[in-house]
């Protein structure tokens, strides 16, 4: 039930990203006004709450996927923990790459 609730936050953040891209197309002033609004304490708090829900959503899906996606190597079933660990490893690798891109390294 909680995972389904977190989908609302995921969808809301997707809409926010669409608005952000739209503001980018409207010019520097519109984008600057949005960035100024995002610096307010209520906006920061909302983003932290959304981050918490999105992380919970991601973790629960990573843990659920090996139960749905049954993989075999020959006749042997690949352990669910290994499948989940692969998702987490991919998450870490992508996070490191994005961090390096953002930092300009």
C-alpha atoms as a PDB file:
ATOM      1  CA  UNK A   1       0.000   0.000   0.000  1.00  0.00           C
ATOM      2  CA  UNK A   2       2.787   2.435   0.847  1.00  0.00           C
ATOM      3  CA  UNK A   3       4.618   1.640  -2.406  1.00  0.00           C
ATOM      4  CA  UNK A   4       1.491   2.599  -4.356  1.00  0.00           C
ATOM      5  CA  UNK A   5       1.322   5.876  -2.424  1.00  0.00           C
ATOM      6  CA  UNK A   6       4.931   6.603  -3.320  1.00  0.00           C
ATOM      7  CA  UNK A   7       3.936   6.427  -6.986  1.00  0.00           C
ATOM      8  CA  UNK A   8       2.057   9.685  -6.481  1.00  0.00           C
ATOM      9  CA  UNK A   9       5.318  11.362  -5.451  1.00  0.00           C
ATOM     10  CA  UNK A  10       7.153   9.831  -8.416  1.00  0.00           C
ATOM     11  CA  UNK A  11       4.459  11.114 -10.793  1.00  0.00           C
ATOM     12  CA  UNK A  12       4.478  14.517  -9.110  1.00  0.00           C
ATOM     13  CA  UNK A  13       8.219  14.826  -9.532  1.00  0.00           C
ATOM     14  CA  UNK A  14       7.924  13.830 -13.192  1.00  0.00           C
ATOM     15  CA  UNK A  15       5.449  16.671 -13.649  1.00  0.00           C
ATOM     16  CA  UNK A  16       7.857  19.007 -11.846  1.00  0.00           C
ATOM     17  CA  UNK A  17      10.634  18.009 -14.257  1.00  0.00           C
ATOM     18  CA  UNK A  18       8.351  18.719 -17.216  1.00  0.00           C
ATOM     19  CA  UNK A  19       7.588  22.169 -15.787  1.00  0.00           C
ATOM     20  CA  UNK A  20      11.320  22.731 -15.300  1.00  0.00           C
ATOM     21  CA  UNK A  21      12.024  21.888 -18.949  1.00  0.00           C
ATOM     22  CA  UNK A  22       9.137  24.127 -20.033  1.00  0.00           C
ATOM     23  CA  UNK A  23      10.554  27.029 -18.000  1.00  0.00           C
ATOM     24  CA  UNK A  24      13.914  26.477 -19.687  1.00  0.00           C
ATOM     25  CA  UNK A  25      12.239  27.009 -23.052  1.00  0.00           C
ATOM     26  CA  UNK A  26      10.662  30.257 -21.815  1.00  0.00           C
ATOM     27  CA  UNK A  27      13.987  31.997 -21.307  1.00  0.00           C
ATOM     28  CA  UNK A  28      16.429  32.901 -18.585  1.00  0.00           C
ATOM     29  CA  UNK A  29      14.009  35.085 -16.610  1.00  0.00           C
ATOM     30  CA  UNK A  30      11.336  32.396 -16.283  1.00  0.00           C
ATOM     31  CA  UNK A  31      13.947  29.810 -15.353  1.00  0.00           C
ATOM     32  CA  UNK A  32      15.567  32.187 -12.858  1.00  0.00           C
ATOM     33  CA  UNK A  33      12.217  32.881 -11.201  1.00  0.00           C
ATOM     34  CA  UNK A  34      11.585  29.150 -10.823  1.00  0.00           C
ATOM     35  CA  UNK A  35      15.055  28.622  -9.354  1.00  0.00           C
ATOM     36  CA  UNK A  36      14.451  31.450  -6.887  1.00  0.00           C
ATOM     37  CA  UNK A  37      11.154  29.865  -5.836  1.00  0.00           C
ATOM     38  CA  UNK A  38      12.871  26.511  -5.349  1.00  0.00           C
ATOM     39  CA  UNK A  39      15.210  28.035  -2.759  1.00  0.00           C
ATOM     40  CA  UNK A  40      12.376  28.641  -0.302  1.00  0.00           C
ATOM     41  CA  UNK A  41      12.358  26.475   2.851  1.00  0.00           C
ATOM     42  CA  UNK A  42       8.985  24.961   1.959  1.00  0.00           C
ATOM     43  CA  UNK A  43      10.265  23.924  -1.469  1.00  0.00           C
ATOM     44  CA  UNK A  44      13.386  22.367   0.034  1.00  0.00           C
ATOM     45  CA  UNK A  45      11.252  20.492   2.568  1.00  0.00           C
ATOM     46  CA  UNK A  46       8.915  19.255  -0.171  1.00  0.00           C
ATOM     47  CA  UNK A  47      11.876  18.044  -2.225  1.00  0.00           C
ATOM     48  CA  UNK A  48      13.333  16.197   0.777  1.00  0.00           C
ATOM     49  CA  UNK A  49       9.984  14.521   1.458  1.00  0.00           C
ATOM     50  CA  UNK A  50       9.697  13.592  -2.217  1.00  0.00           C
ATOM     51  CA  UNK A  51      13.254  12.230  -2.198  1.00  0.00           C
ATOM     52  CA  UNK A  52      12.401  10.027   0.777  1.00  0.00           C
ATOM     53  CA  UNK A  53       9.329   8.603  -0.933  1.00  0.00           C
ATOM     54  CA  UNK A  54      11.130   8.096  -4.259  1.00  0.00           C
ATOM     55  CA  UNK A  55      14.013   6.285  -2.532  1.00  0.00           C
ATOM     56  CA  UNK A  56      11.515   4.054  -0.727  1.00  0.00           C
ATOM     57  CA  UNK A  57       9.755   3.405  -4.036  1.00  0.00           C
ATOM     58  CA  UNK A  58      13.035   2.488  -5.730  1.00  0.00           C
ATOM     59  CA  UNK A  59      14.217   0.196  -2.943  1.00  0.00           C
ATOM     60  CA  UNK A  60      10.924  -1.670  -2.748  1.00  0.00           C
ATOM     61  CA  UNK A  61      10.872  -2.184  -6.519  1.00  0.00           C
ATOM     62  CA  UNK A  62      14.474  -3.389  -6.553  1.00  0.00           C
ATOM     63  CA  UNK A  63      13.571  -5.893  -3.834  1.00  0.00           C
ATOM     64  CA  UNK A  64      10.365  -6.964  -5.598  1.00  0.00           C
ATOM     65  CA  UNK A  65      11.781  -7.434  -9.083  1.00  0.00           C
ATOM     66  CA  UNK A  66      13.746 -10.660  -8.355  1.00  0.00           C
ATOM     67  CA  UNK A  67      10.510 -12.278  -7.175  1.00  0.00           C
ATOM     68  CA  UNK A  68       8.828 -11.446 -10.477  1.00  0.00           C
ATOM     69  CA  UNK A  69      11.822 -11.814 -12.792  1.00  0.00           C
ATOM     70  CA  UNK A  70      12.913 -15.422 -12.339  1.00  0.00           C
ATOM     71  CA  UNK A  71      16.250 -15.987 -14.051  1.00  0.00           C
ATOM     72  CA  UNK A  72      17.906 -19.320 -14.733  1.00  0.00           C
ATOM     73  CA  UNK A  73      21.435 -20.268 -15.654  1.00  0.00           C
ATOM     74  CA  UNK A  74      21.015 -23.636 -17.239  1.00  0.00           C
ATOM     75  CA  UNK A  75      18.852 -25.610 -14.817  1.00  0.00           C
ATOM     76  CA  UNK A  76      19.835 -23.542 -11.764  1.00  0.00           C
ATOM     77  CA  UNK A  77      17.819 -20.568 -10.629  1.00  0.00           C
ATOM     78  CA  UNK A  78      19.869 -17.446 -10.018  1.00  0.00           C
ATOM     79  CA  UNK A  79      19.392 -16.416  -6.369  1.00  0.00           C
ATOM     80  CA  UNK A  80      17.034 -13.508  -5.762  1.00  0.00           C
ATOM     81  CA  UNK A  81      19.669 -11.733  -3.694  1.00  0.00           C
ATOM     82  CA  UNK A  82      22.089 -11.767  -6.603  1.00  0.00           C
ATOM     83  CA  UNK A  83      19.487 -10.317  -8.960  1.00  0.00           C
ATOM     84  CA  UNK A  84      18.645  -7.549  -6.461  1.00  0.00           C
ATOM     85  CA  UNK A  85      22.346  -6.891  -5.847  1.00  0.00           C
ATOM     86  CA  UNK A  86      22.802  -6.407  -9.589  1.00  0.00           C
ATOM     87  CA  UNK A  87      20.129  -3.706  -9.582  1.00  0.00           C
ATOM     88  CA  UNK A  88      21.719  -1.975  -6.595  1.00  0.00           C
ATOM     89  CA  UNK A  89      25.165  -2.147  -8.217  1.00  0.00           C
ATOM     90  CA  UNK A  90      23.757  -0.585 -11.376  1.00  0.00           C
ATOM     91  CA  UNK A  91      22.115   2.121  -9.277  1.00  0.00           C
ATOM     92  CA  UNK A  92      25.453   2.923  -7.616  1.00  0.00           C
ATOM     93  CA  UNK A  93      27.314   3.012 -10.948  1.00  0.00           C
ATOM     94  CA  UNK A  94      24.741   5.317 -12.559  1.00  0.00           C
ATOM     95  CA  UNK A  95      24.727   7.542  -9.449  1.00  0.00           C
ATOM     96  CA  UNK A  96      28.510   7.874  -9.578  1.00  0.00           C
ATOM     97  CA  UNK A  97      28.434   8.718 -13.291  1.00  0.00           C
ATOM     98  CA  UNK A  98      25.723  11.349 -12.800  1.00  0.00           C
ATOM     99  CA  UNK A  99      27.606  12.820  -9.827  1.00  0.00           C
ATOM    100  CA  UNK A 100      30.793  13.085 -11.875  1.00  0.00           C
ATOM    101  CA  UNK A 101      28.903  14.734 -14.742  1.00  0.00           C
ATOM    102  CA  UNK A 102      27.252  17.234 -12.410  1.00  0.00           C
ATOM    103  CA  UNK A 103      30.556  18.067 -10.729  1.00  0.00           C
ATOM    104  CA  UNK A 104      32.232  18.424 -14.118  1.00  0.00           C
ATOM    105  CA  UNK A 105      34.970  15.923 -13.365  1.00  0.00           C
END
